[in-house]
């Protein structure tokens, strides 16, 4: 059976993304059973300062490093994940990422698991020559019950901030049980989905590339790198062609669609409360608070500060 690395390499040629996800989960579970799986959780949290190249999410992320090394910077803390290791990035933890080729010559690849209240998203990434992380493709499961279980398990793992721990009973029984339960839950769900009868195909309301572009926007909404160019690269077409296709199908520019989705997300976060406006901006993919305020006011009619005041009882 091909390993996860080989399956990920084959995705460029139209390989099965679901098979790659399943194999990655199997390999991590095997390492856990053998006492070789290392879990890393940064010590810093929401108090870290957001660097210009950092990301900031209101939900946790679990990184499975398949090959190469990923270098994280969380405030003043540096963290390196090597092939075969896991990194749990807790909610509201600013982090910058850089990927490098492994000493074995293998190209850089990782899979990040992103749970929300409504879905679990698997994002498969590589890296450019300068180390910039490049999303390649993704798989999303819209199952709220499963998603909420995964979210809670990730939050429980996030409580174990500190030095890297081997997730085995001899060193940290709690981390081993939580991580093992999380990986097993996802693998079981993947196997069950693989065995389901094919669903009746529903003709898409939008052209395939436009529909996929909308889904990519949903997946990468908090990523400050999200842009027409990034989506076009993932969809393997030119930005000009995608822009024309999107506007013809929807009547609006793709960049404007991204802005509207981000403002909708910002409205939800403001209504929920608990975050400063700059944190809302970060979580919605805006790196400049003034620019966020201008875009928000243009699309909402009020600046974020007044919108928040209007929502208070």
C-alpha atoms as a PDB file:
ATOM      1  CA  UNK A   1       0.000   0.000   0.000  1.00  0.00           C
ATOM      2  CA  UNK A   2       1.273   3.471  -0.900  1.00  0.00           C
ATOM      3  CA  UNK A   3       2.159   5.712   2.017  1.00  0.00           C
ATOM      4  CA  UNK A   4       0.570   9.081   2.720  1.00  0.00           C
ATOM      5  CA  UNK A   5       3.559  10.905   1.209  1.00  0.00           C
ATOM      6  CA  UNK A   6       3.246   9.038  -2.093  1.00  0.00           C
ATOM      7  CA  UNK A   7      -0.533   9.566  -2.162  1.00  0.00           C
ATOM      8  CA  UNK A   8      -0.088  13.276  -1.554  1.00  0.00           C
ATOM      9  CA  UNK A   9       2.513  13.452  -4.310  1.00  0.00           C
ATOM     10  CA  UNK A  10       0.002  11.783  -6.636  1.00  0.00           C
ATOM     11  CA  UNK A  11      -2.684  14.406  -6.059  1.00  0.00           C
ATOM     12  CA  UNK A  12      -1.131  16.590  -8.755  1.00  0.00           C
ATOM     13  CA  UNK A  13      -1.972  13.826 -11.227  1.00  0.00           C
ATOM     14  CA  UNK A  14      -5.572  13.519 -10.053  1.00  0.00           C
ATOM     15  CA  UNK A  15      -5.062  11.145  -7.118  1.00  0.00           C
ATOM     16  CA  UNK A  16      -7.713  10.345  -4.508  1.00  0.00           C
ATOM     17  CA  UNK A  17      -7.618  12.981  -1.760  1.00  0.00           C
ATOM     18  CA  UNK A  18      -9.846  10.910   0.544  1.00  0.00           C
ATOM     19  CA  UNK A  19      -7.401   7.985   0.293  1.00  0.00           C
ATOM     20  CA  UNK A  20      -4.509  10.305   1.155  1.00  0.00           C
ATOM     21  CA  UNK A  21      -6.350  11.613   4.217  1.00  0.00           C
ATOM     22  CA  UNK A  22      -7.184   8.084   5.429  1.00  0.00           C
ATOM     23  CA  UNK A  23      -3.604   6.895   5.009  1.00  0.00           C
ATOM     24  CA  UNK A  24      -2.219   9.916   6.865  1.00  0.00           C
ATOM     25  CA  UNK A  25      -4.534   9.175   9.802  1.00  0.00           C
ATOM     26  CA  UNK A  26      -3.558   5.474   9.781  1.00  0.00           C
ATOM     27  CA  UNK A  27       0.146   6.302   9.842  1.00  0.00           C
ATOM     28  CA  UNK A  28      -0.238   8.689  12.764  1.00  0.00           C
ATOM     29  CA  UNK A  29      -2.237   6.118  14.718  1.00  0.00           C
ATOM     30  CA  UNK A  30       0.472   3.511  14.041  1.00  0.00           C
ATOM     31  CA  UNK A  31       3.135   5.895  15.383  1.00  0.00           C
ATOM     32  CA  UNK A  32       1.009   6.555  18.436  1.00  0.00           C
ATOM     33  CA  UNK A  33       0.607   2.817  19.115  1.00  0.00           C
ATOM     34  CA  UNK A  34       4.370   2.349  18.760  1.00  0.00           C
ATOM     35  CA  UNK A  35       5.097   5.207  21.166  1.00  0.00           C
ATOM     36  CA  UNK A  36       6.787   7.268  18.443  1.00  0.00           C
ATOM     37  CA  UNK A  37       4.266  10.052  17.901  1.00  0.00           C
ATOM     38  CA  UNK A  38       5.219  13.462  19.282  1.00  0.00           C
ATOM     39  CA  UNK A  39       2.600  16.107  19.994  1.00  0.00           C
ATOM     40  CA  UNK A  40       3.672  19.743  20.156  1.00  0.00           C
ATOM     41  CA  UNK A  41       1.513  22.502  21.652  1.00  0.00           C
ATOM     42  CA  UNK A  42       2.864  26.072  21.892  1.00  0.00           C
ATOM     43  CA  UNK A  43       2.970  27.684  25.313  1.00  0.00           C
ATOM     44  CA  UNK A  44       1.712  31.074  24.149  1.00  0.00           C
ATOM     45  CA  UNK A  45      -1.945  31.883  23.549  1.00  0.00           C
ATOM     46  CA  UNK A  46      -4.050  34.903  22.719  1.00  0.00           C
ATOM     47  CA  UNK A  47      -1.583  37.186  24.495  1.00  0.00           C
ATOM     48  CA  UNK A  48       0.966  36.749  21.682  1.00  0.00           C
ATOM     49  CA  UNK A  49       1.539  39.666  19.332  1.00  0.00           C
ATOM     50  CA  UNK A  50       0.373  39.180  15.747  1.00  0.00           C
ATOM     51  CA  UNK A  51       3.277  39.454  13.313  1.00  0.00           C
ATOM     52  CA  UNK A  52       2.717  40.705   9.787  1.00  0.00           C
ATOM     53  CA  UNK A  53       3.007  37.209   8.319  1.00  0.00           C
ATOM     54  CA  UNK A  54       1.054  35.410  11.068  1.00  0.00           C
ATOM     55  CA  UNK A  55      -2.371  33.791  10.986  1.00  0.00           C
ATOM     56  CA  UNK A  56      -5.012  33.971  13.696  1.00  0.00           C
ATOM     57  CA  UNK A  57      -7.985  31.624  13.970  1.00  0.00           C
ATOM     58  CA  UNK A  58     -10.975  31.428  16.304  1.00  0.00           C
ATOM     59  CA  UNK A  59     -10.912  27.623  16.040  1.00  0.00           C
ATOM     60  CA  UNK A  60      -8.027  25.186  16.749  1.00  0.00           C
ATOM     61  CA  UNK A  61      -5.907  23.488  14.091  1.00  0.00           C
ATOM     62  CA  UNK A  62      -4.167  20.103  14.190  1.00  0.00           C
ATOM     63  CA  UNK A  63      -1.138  19.793  11.889  1.00  0.00           C
ATOM     64  CA  UNK A  64       0.076  16.348  10.786  1.00  0.00           C
ATOM     65  CA  UNK A  65       3.581  16.665   9.363  1.00  0.00           C
ATOM     66  CA  UNK A  66       4.026  14.153   6.532  1.00  0.00           C
ATOM     67  CA  UNK A  67       7.451  15.155   5.225  1.00  0.00           C
ATOM     68  CA  UNK A  68       9.956  17.950   5.573  1.00  0.00           C
ATOM     69  CA  UNK A  69       9.919  20.331   8.524  1.00  0.00           C
ATOM     70  CA  UNK A  70       7.504  23.083   9.463  1.00  0.00           C
ATOM     71  CA  UNK A  71       8.846  26.009  11.449  1.00  0.00           C
ATOM     72  CA  UNK A  72       6.262  27.864  13.525  1.00  0.00           C
ATOM     73  CA  UNK A  73       6.709  31.199  15.224  1.00  0.00           C
ATOM     74  CA  UNK A  74       4.187  31.954  17.949  1.00  0.00           C
ATOM     75  CA  UNK A  75       5.091  35.303  19.415  1.00  0.00           C
ATOM     76  CA  UNK A  76       8.583  34.841  20.866  1.00  0.00           C
ATOM     77  CA  UNK A  77       8.359  31.046  20.838  1.00  0.00           C
ATOM     78  CA  UNK A  78       9.800  29.021  17.959  1.00  0.00           C
ATOM     79  CA  UNK A  79       8.510  25.519  17.288  1.00  0.00           C
ATOM     80  CA  UNK A  80       9.694  22.936  14.749  1.00  0.00           C
ATOM     81  CA  UNK A  81       7.533  20.001  13.617  1.00  0.00           C
ATOM     82  CA  UNK A  82       9.396  17.172  11.892  1.00  0.00           C
ATOM     83  CA  UNK A  83       8.069  14.427   9.668  1.00  0.00           C
ATOM     84  CA  UNK A  84       5.712  12.157  11.576  1.00  0.00           C
ATOM     85  CA  UNK A  85       4.929  14.667  14.319  1.00  0.00           C
ATOM     86  CA  UNK A  86       1.729  16.515  15.258  1.00  0.00           C
ATOM     87  CA  UNK A  87       1.283  20.136  16.268  1.00  0.00           C
ATOM     88  CA  UNK A  88      -1.871  21.449  17.926  1.00  0.00           C
ATOM     89  CA  UNK A  89      -2.415  25.177  17.435  1.00  0.00           C
ATOM     90  CA  UNK A  90      -4.977  26.313  20.042  1.00  0.00           C
ATOM     91  CA  UNK A  91      -7.687  28.870  19.367  1.00  0.00           C
ATOM     92  CA  UNK A  92      -6.600  32.505  19.143  1.00  0.00           C
ATOM     93  CA  UNK A  93      -2.896  31.679  18.889  1.00  0.00           C
ATOM     94  CA  UNK A  94      -1.134  33.899  16.339  1.00  0.00           C
ATOM     95  CA  UNK A  95       1.345  31.832  14.359  1.00  0.00           C
ATOM     96  CA  UNK A  96       3.560  32.227  11.323  1.00  0.00           C
ATOM     97  CA  UNK A  97       4.617  29.166   9.305  1.00  0.00           C
ATOM     98  CA  UNK A  98       7.475  28.226   7.018  1.00  0.00           C
ATOM     99  CA  UNK A  99       8.114  24.874   5.347  1.00  0.00           C
ATOM    100  CA  UNK A 100      11.441  23.329   4.345  1.00  0.00           C
ATOM    101  CA  UNK A 101      12.447  20.133   2.572  1.00  0.00           C
ATOM    102  CA  UNK A 102      13.465  17.237   4.792  1.00  0.00           C
ATOM    103  CA  UNK A 103      17.016  15.998   5.222  1.00  0.00           C
ATOM    104  CA  UNK A 104      15.916  12.852   3.372  1.00  0.00           C
ATOM    105  CA  UNK A 105      15.257  14.945   0.263  1.00  0.00           C
ATOM    106  CA  UNK A 106      11.501  14.567   0.385  1.00  0.00           C
ATOM    107  CA  UNK A 107       9.365  17.517  -0.588  1.00  0.00           C
ATOM    108  CA  UNK A 108       7.521  19.384   2.169  1.00  0.00           C
ATOM    109  CA  UNK A 109       3.933  18.216   2.825  1.00  0.00           C
ATOM    110  CA  UNK A 110       1.533  18.499   5.740  1.00  0.00           C
ATOM    111  CA  UNK A 111      -2.163  18.079   6.400  1.00  0.00           C
ATOM    112  CA  UNK A 112      -3.988  20.450   8.719  1.00  0.00           C
ATOM    113  CA  UNK A 113      -7.304  19.469  10.293  1.00  0.00           C
ATOM    114  CA  UNK A 114      -9.576  22.469  10.900  1.00  0.00           C
ATOM    115  CA  UNK A 115     -12.772  21.765  12.875  1.00  0.00           C
ATOM    116  CA  UNK A 116     -15.620  24.258  13.278  1.00  0.00           C
ATOM    117  CA  UNK A 117     -19.089  23.849  14.763  1.00  0.00           C
ATOM    118  CA  UNK A 118     -20.443  22.721  11.384  1.00  0.00           C
ATOM    119  CA  UNK A 119     -17.693  20.913   9.498  1.00  0.00           C
ATOM    120  CA  UNK A 120     -14.239  19.362   9.535  1.00  0.00           C
ATOM    121  CA  UNK A 121     -11.868  20.541   6.818  1.00  0.00           C
ATOM    122  CA  UNK A 122      -8.651  18.775   5.801  1.00  0.00           C
ATOM    123  CA  UNK A 123      -6.241  21.084   3.968  1.00  0.00           C
ATOM    124  CA  UNK A 124      -3.267  19.554   2.175  1.00  0.00           C
ATOM    125  CA  UNK A 125      -0.307  21.895   1.762  1.00  0.00           C
ATOM    126  CA  UNK A 126       3.133  22.105   0.246  1.00  0.00           C
ATOM    127  CA  UNK A 127       5.695  24.899   0.274  1.00  0.00           C
ATOM    128  CA  UNK A 128       7.281  27.191  -2.294  1.00  0.00           C
ATOM    129  CA  UNK A 129      11.057  27.422  -2.682  1.00  0.00           C
ATOM    130  CA  UNK A 130      11.153  30.321  -0.206  1.00  0.00           C
ATOM    131  CA  UNK A 131       9.275  28.295   2.422  1.00  0.00           C
ATOM    132  CA  UNK A 132       5.911  29.992   1.926  1.00  0.00           C
ATOM    133  CA  UNK A 133       3.097  27.556   2.730  1.00  0.00           C
ATOM    134  CA  UNK A 134       0.931  26.811  -0.310  1.00  0.00           C
ATOM    135  CA  UNK A 135      -2.494  25.152   0.079  1.00  0.00           C
ATOM    136  CA  UNK A 136      -2.887  22.548  -2.666  1.00  0.00           C
ATOM    137  CA  UNK A 137      -6.298  21.003  -2.179  1.00  0.00           C
ATOM    138  CA  UNK A 138      -8.832  20.294   0.543  1.00  0.00           C
ATOM    139  CA  UNK A 139     -11.571  17.946   1.670  1.00  0.00           C
ATOM    140  CA  UNK A 140     -14.518  19.098   3.777  1.00  0.00           C
ATOM    141  CA  UNK A 141     -17.020  17.043   5.745  1.00  0.00           C
ATOM    142  CA  UNK A 142     -20.199  18.925   6.589  1.00  0.00           C
ATOM    143  CA  UNK A 143     -21.237  16.873   9.615  1.00  0.00           C
ATOM    144  CA  UNK A 144     -22.000  19.074  12.657  1.00  0.00           C
ATOM    145  CA  UNK A 145     -22.085  16.207  15.182  1.00  0.00           C
ATOM    146  CA  UNK A 146     -18.657  14.897  14.164  1.00  0.00           C
ATOM    147  CA  UNK A 147     -17.258  18.409  13.816  1.00  0.00           C
ATOM    148  CA  UNK A 148     -18.253  19.380  17.337  1.00  0.00           C
ATOM    149  CA  UNK A 149     -16.680  16.221  18.791  1.00  0.00           C
ATOM    150  CA  UNK A 150     -13.414  16.959  16.956  1.00  0.00           C
ATOM    151  CA  UNK A 151     -13.542  20.574  18.110  1.00  0.00           C
ATOM    152  CA  UNK A 152     -13.952  19.567  21.766  1.00  0.00           C
ATOM    153  CA  UNK A 153     -11.111  17.035  21.580  1.00  0.00           C
ATOM    154  CA  UNK A 154      -8.796  19.650  20.035  1.00  0.00           C
ATOM    155  CA  UNK A 155      -9.724  22.105  22.784  1.00  0.00           C
ATOM    156  CA  UNK A 156      -8.945  19.475  25.413  1.00  0.00           C
ATOM    157  CA  UNK A 157      -5.535  18.836  23.831  1.00  0.00           C
ATOM    158  CA  UNK A 158      -4.904  22.581  23.779  1.00  0.00           C
ATOM    159  CA  UNK A 159      -4.982  22.570  27.571  1.00  0.00           C
ATOM    160  CA  UNK A 160      -1.634  20.746  27.461  1.00  0.00           C
ATOM    161  CA  UNK A 161       0.413  23.784  26.487  1.00  0.00           C
ATOM    162  CA  UNK A 162       4.113  23.499  27.173  1.00  0.00           C
ATOM    163  CA  UNK A 163       7.045  21.376  26.177  1.00  0.00           C
ATOM    164  CA  UNK A 164       6.616  18.752  23.425  1.00  0.00           C
ATOM    165  CA  UNK A 165       5.315  15.509  24.838  1.00  0.00           C
ATOM    166  CA  UNK A 166       5.368  12.027  23.399  1.00  0.00           C
ATOM    167  CA  UNK A 167       1.694  11.103  23.288  1.00  0.00           C
ATOM    168  CA  UNK A 168       2.032   7.699  24.911  1.00  0.00           C
ATOM    169  CA  UNK A 169       0.869   6.451  28.305  1.00  0.00           C
ATOM    170  CA  UNK A 170       4.415   6.316  29.707  1.00  0.00           C
ATOM    171  CA  UNK A 171       4.874  10.091  29.299  1.00  0.00           C
ATOM    172  CA  UNK A 172       1.410  11.634  29.100  1.00  0.00           C
ATOM    173  CA  UNK A 173      -1.514   9.246  29.328  1.00  0.00           C
ATOM    174  CA  UNK A 174      -4.061  12.034  28.945  1.00  0.00           C
ATOM    175  CA  UNK A 175      -2.518  13.376  25.740  1.00  0.00           C
ATOM    176  CA  UNK A 176      -2.251   9.860  24.357  1.00  0.00           C
ATOM    177  CA  UNK A 177      -5.903   9.085  25.016  1.00  0.00           C
ATOM    178  CA  UNK A 178      -7.124  12.397  23.619  1.00  0.00           C
ATOM    179  CA  UNK A 179      -4.979  12.334  20.489  1.00  0.00           C
ATOM    180  CA  UNK A 180      -5.642   8.643  19.883  1.00  0.00           C
ATOM    181  CA  UNK A 181      -9.375   9.154  20.304  1.00  0.00           C
ATOM    182  CA  UNK A 182      -9.328  12.111  17.921  1.00  0.00           C
ATOM    183  CA  UNK A 183      -7.384  10.322  15.190  1.00  0.00           C
ATOM    184  CA  UNK A 184      -9.444   7.150  15.573  1.00  0.00           C
ATOM    185  CA  UNK A 185     -12.691   9.114  15.371  1.00  0.00           C
ATOM    186  CA  UNK A 186     -11.600  10.760  12.129  1.00  0.00           C
ATOM    187  CA  UNK A 187     -10.341   7.503  10.618  1.00  0.00           C
ATOM    188  CA  UNK A 188     -13.581   5.723  11.481  1.00  0.00           C
ATOM    189  CA  UNK A 189     -15.563   8.557   9.905  1.00  0.00           C
ATOM    190  CA  UNK A 190     -13.357   8.387   6.793  1.00  0.00           C
ATOM    191  CA  UNK A 191     -13.832   4.618   6.492  1.00  0.00           C
ATOM    192  CA  UNK A 192     -17.590   4.972   6.932  1.00  0.00           C
ATOM    193  CA  UNK A 193     -17.754   7.648   4.263  1.00  0.00           C
ATOM    194  CA  UNK A 194     -15.721   5.442   1.942  1.00  0.00           C
ATOM    195  CA  UNK A 195     -18.262   2.650   2.366  1.00  0.00           C
ATOM    196  CA  UNK A 196     -21.339   4.779   1.815  1.00  0.00           C
ATOM    197  CA  UNK A 197     -23.322   4.346  -1.374  1.00  0.00           C
ATOM    198  CA  UNK A 198     -22.704   7.063  -3.918  1.00  0.00           C
ATOM    199  CA  UNK A 199     -24.950  10.022  -3.368  1.00  0.00           C
ATOM    200  CA  UNK A 200     -27.301  11.105  -6.117  1.00  0.00           C
ATOM    201  CA  UNK A 201     -25.480  13.728  -8.125  1.00  0.00           C
ATOM    202  CA  UNK A 202     -27.069  17.140  -7.950  1.00  0.00           C
ATOM    203  CA  UNK A 203     -26.253  19.410 -10.899  1.00  0.00           C
ATOM    204  CA  UNK A 204     -24.294  22.383  -9.541  1.00  0.00           C
ATOM    205  CA  UNK A 205     -25.952  25.779  -9.714  1.00  0.00           C
ATOM    206  CA  UNK A 206     -22.620  27.336 -10.709  1.00  0.00           C
ATOM    207  CA  UNK A 207     -19.865  26.286 -13.139  1.00  0.00           C
ATOM    208  CA  UNK A 208     -17.433  23.840 -11.538  1.00  0.00           C
ATOM    209  CA  UNK A 209     -14.532  26.275 -11.119  1.00  0.00           C
ATOM    210  CA  UNK A 210     -16.824  28.965  -9.702  1.00  0.00           C
ATOM    211  CA  UNK A 211     -18.387  26.500  -7.264  1.00  0.00           C
ATOM    212  CA  UNK A 212     -14.931  25.318  -6.183  1.00  0.00           C
ATOM    213  CA  UNK A 213     -13.755  28.922  -5.833  1.00  0.00           C
ATOM    214  CA  UNK A 214     -16.647  29.653  -3.464  1.00  0.00           C
ATOM    215  CA  UNK A 215     -15.771  26.584  -1.390  1.00  0.00           C
ATOM    216  CA  UNK A 216     -12.106  27.608  -1.262  1.00  0.00           C
ATOM    217  CA  UNK A 217     -13.110  31.044  -0.010  1.00  0.00           C
ATOM    218  CA  UNK A 218     -15.092  29.379   2.799  1.00  0.00           C
ATOM    219  CA  UNK A 219     -12.142  27.170   3.752  1.00  0.00           C
ATOM    220  CA  UNK A 220      -9.457  29.889   3.647  1.00  0.00           C
ATOM    221  CA  UNK A 221     -11.483  32.899   4.787  1.00  0.00           C
ATOM    222  CA  UNK A 222      -9.211  33.601   7.781  1.00  0.00           C
ATOM    223  CA  UNK A 223      -6.032  33.253   5.720  1.00  0.00           C
ATOM    224  CA  UNK A 224      -4.616  36.718   4.884  1.00  0.00           C
ATOM    225  CA  UNK A 225      -3.095  35.238   1.729  1.00  0.00           C
ATOM    226  CA  UNK A 226      -6.531  34.462   0.298  1.00  0.00           C
ATOM    227  CA  UNK A 227      -6.820  36.215  -3.051  1.00  0.00           C
ATOM    228  CA  UNK A 228      -7.853  35.790  -6.657  1.00  0.00           C
ATOM    229  CA  UNK A 229      -4.300  34.716  -7.490  1.00  0.00           C
ATOM    230  CA  UNK A 230      -4.151  32.082  -4.742  1.00  0.00           C
ATOM    231  CA  UNK A 231      -7.475  30.542  -5.767  1.00  0.00           C
ATOM    232  CA  UNK A 232      -6.527  30.570  -9.454  1.00  0.00           C
ATOM    233  CA  UNK A 233      -3.283  28.752  -8.643  1.00  0.00           C
ATOM    234  CA  UNK A 234      -5.120  26.032  -6.724  1.00  0.00           C
ATOM    235  CA  UNK A 235      -7.686  25.662  -9.519  1.00  0.00           C
ATOM    236  CA  UNK A 236      -4.886  25.635 -12.134  1.00  0.00           C
ATOM    237  CA  UNK A 237      -6.173  28.495 -14.278  1.00  0.00           C
ATOM    238  CA  UNK A 238      -5.191  32.098 -14.903  1.00  0.00           C
ATOM    239  CA  UNK A 239      -6.473  34.846 -12.577  1.00  0.00           C
ATOM    240  CA  UNK A 240      -7.942  36.721 -15.556  1.00  0.00           C
ATOM    241  CA  UNK A 241      -9.897  33.661 -16.713  1.00  0.00           C
ATOM    242  CA  UNK A 242     -11.186  32.893 -13.214  1.00  0.00           C
ATOM    243  CA  UNK A 243     -12.149  36.523 -12.625  1.00  0.00           C
ATOM    244  CA  UNK A 244     -14.133  36.626 -15.875  1.00  0.00           C
ATOM    245  CA  UNK A 245     -15.776  33.259 -15.178  1.00  0.00           C
ATOM    246  CA  UNK A 246     -16.730  34.241 -11.637  1.00  0.00           C
ATOM    247  CA  UNK A 247     -18.186  37.597 -12.625  1.00  0.00           C
ATOM    248  CA  UNK A 248     -20.146  36.100 -15.509  1.00  0.00           C
ATOM    249  CA  UNK A 249     -21.664  33.435 -13.241  1.00  0.00           C
ATOM    250  CA  UNK A 250     -22.332  35.546 -10.137  1.00  0.00           C
ATOM    251  CA  UNK A 251     -22.454  39.152 -11.294  1.00  0.00           C
ATOM    252  CA  UNK A 252     -19.694  40.236  -8.908  1.00  0.00           C
ATOM    253  CA  UNK A 253     -15.918  40.218  -8.717  1.00  0.00           C
ATOM    254  CA  UNK A 254     -14.262  37.418  -6.744  1.00  0.00           C
ATOM    255  CA  UNK A 255     -12.355  39.911  -4.593  1.00  0.00           C
ATOM    256  CA  UNK A 256     -15.618  41.618  -3.679  1.00  0.00           C
ATOM    257  CA  UNK A 257     -17.113  38.216  -2.812  1.00  0.00           C
ATOM    258  CA  UNK A 258     -14.165  37.555  -0.468  1.00  0.00           C
ATOM    259  CA  UNK A 259     -14.700  40.925   1.217  1.00  0.00           C
ATOM    260  CA  UNK A 260     -18.420  40.271   1.701  1.00  0.00           C
ATOM    261  CA  UNK A 261     -17.813  36.847   3.208  1.00  0.00           C
ATOM    262  CA  UNK A 262     -15.198  38.286   5.555  1.00  0.00           C
ATOM    263  CA  UNK A 263     -17.505  41.072   6.699  1.00  0.00           C
ATOM    264  CA  UNK A 264     -20.289  38.523   7.305  1.00  0.00           C
ATOM    265  CA  UNK A 265     -17.863  36.524   9.458  1.00  0.00           C
ATOM    266  CA  UNK A 266     -16.829  39.695  11.294  1.00  0.00           C
ATOM    267  CA  UNK A 267     -20.475  40.511  12.023  1.00  0.00           C
ATOM    268  CA  UNK A 268     -20.935  37.044  13.541  1.00  0.00           C
ATOM    269  CA  UNK A 269     -17.831  37.394  15.727  1.00  0.00           C
ATOM    270  CA  UNK A 270     -18.855  40.870  16.903  1.00  0.00           C
ATOM    271  CA  UNK A 271     -22.329  39.619  17.812  1.00  0.00           C
ATOM    272  CA  UNK A 272     -20.810  36.689  19.687  1.00  0.00           C
ATOM    273  CA  UNK A 273     -18.587  39.007  21.724  1.00  0.00           C
ATOM    274  CA  UNK A 274     -15.392  38.257  23.592  1.00  0.00           C
ATOM    275  CA  UNK A 275     -12.901  39.576  21.008  1.00  0.00           C
ATOM    276  CA  UNK A 276     -11.357  43.005  20.548  1.00  0.00           C
ATOM    277  CA  UNK A 277     -12.036  44.537  17.144  1.00  0.00           C
ATOM    278  CA  UNK A 278      -8.415  44.046  16.087  1.00  0.00           C
ATOM    279  CA  UNK A 279      -8.773  40.332  16.919  1.00  0.00           C
ATOM    280  CA  UNK A 280     -11.965  40.188  14.854  1.00  0.00           C
ATOM    281  CA  UNK A 281     -10.043  41.725  11.965  1.00  0.00           C
ATOM    282  CA  UNK A 282      -7.210  39.194  12.336  1.00  0.00           C
ATOM    283  CA  UNK A 283      -9.625  36.256  12.535  1.00  0.00           C
ATOM    284  CA  UNK A 284     -11.295  37.396   9.299  1.00  0.00           C
ATOM    285  CA  UNK A 285      -8.083  37.627   7.323  1.00  0.00           C
ATOM    286  CA  UNK A 286      -7.487  41.384   7.614  1.00  0.00           C
ATOM    287  CA  UNK A 287      -4.008  42.397   8.727  1.00  0.00           C
ATOM    288  CA  UNK A 288      -4.671  46.143   8.807  1.00  0.00           C
ATOM    289  CA  UNK A 289      -7.321  47.339  11.275  1.00  0.00           C
ATOM    290  CA  UNK A 290      -7.915  50.578   9.376  1.00  0.00           C
ATOM    291  CA  UNK A 291      -8.472  48.702   6.115  1.00  0.00           C
ATOM    292  CA  UNK A 292     -10.808  46.273   7.897  1.00  0.00           C
ATOM    293  CA  UNK A 293     -12.811  49.230   9.223  1.00  0.00           C
ATOM    294  CA  UNK A 294     -13.096  50.783   5.750  1.00  0.00           C
ATOM    295  CA  UNK A 295     -14.239  47.544   4.106  1.00  0.00           C
ATOM    296  CA  UNK A 296     -16.663  46.809   6.956  1.00  0.00           C
ATOM    297  CA  UNK A 297     -18.194  50.292   6.773  1.00  0.00           C
ATOM    298  CA  UNK A 298     -18.565  50.145   2.998  1.00  0.00           C
ATOM    299  CA  UNK A 299     -20.431  46.836   3.094  1.00  0.00           C
ATOM    300  CA  UNK A 300     -22.273  47.131   6.420  1.00  0.00           C
ATOM    301  CA  UNK A 301     -23.030  50.844   6.421  1.00  0.00           C
ATOM    302  CA  UNK A 302     -21.449  51.368   9.850  1.00  0.00           C
ATOM    303  CA  UNK A 303     -17.905  51.069  11.170  1.00  0.00           C
ATOM    304  CA  UNK A 304     -17.234  48.002  13.354  1.00  0.00           C
ATOM    305  CA  UNK A 305     -17.245  50.043  16.563  1.00  0.00           C
ATOM    306  CA  UNK A 306     -20.745  51.397  15.972  1.00  0.00           C
ATOM    307  CA  UNK A 307     -21.991  48.015  14.803  1.00  0.00           C
ATOM    308  CA  UNK A 308     -20.800  46.466  18.074  1.00  0.00           C
ATOM    309  CA  UNK A 309     -22.464  49.207  20.085  1.00  0.00           C
ATOM    310  CA  UNK A 310     -25.743  48.664  18.237  1.00  0.00           C
ATOM    311  CA  UNK A 311     -25.718  44.965  19.187  1.00  0.00           C
ATOM    312  CA  UNK A 312     -25.378  45.600  22.922  1.00  0.00           C
ATOM    313  CA  UNK A 313     -28.556  45.247  24.992  1.00  0.00           C
END
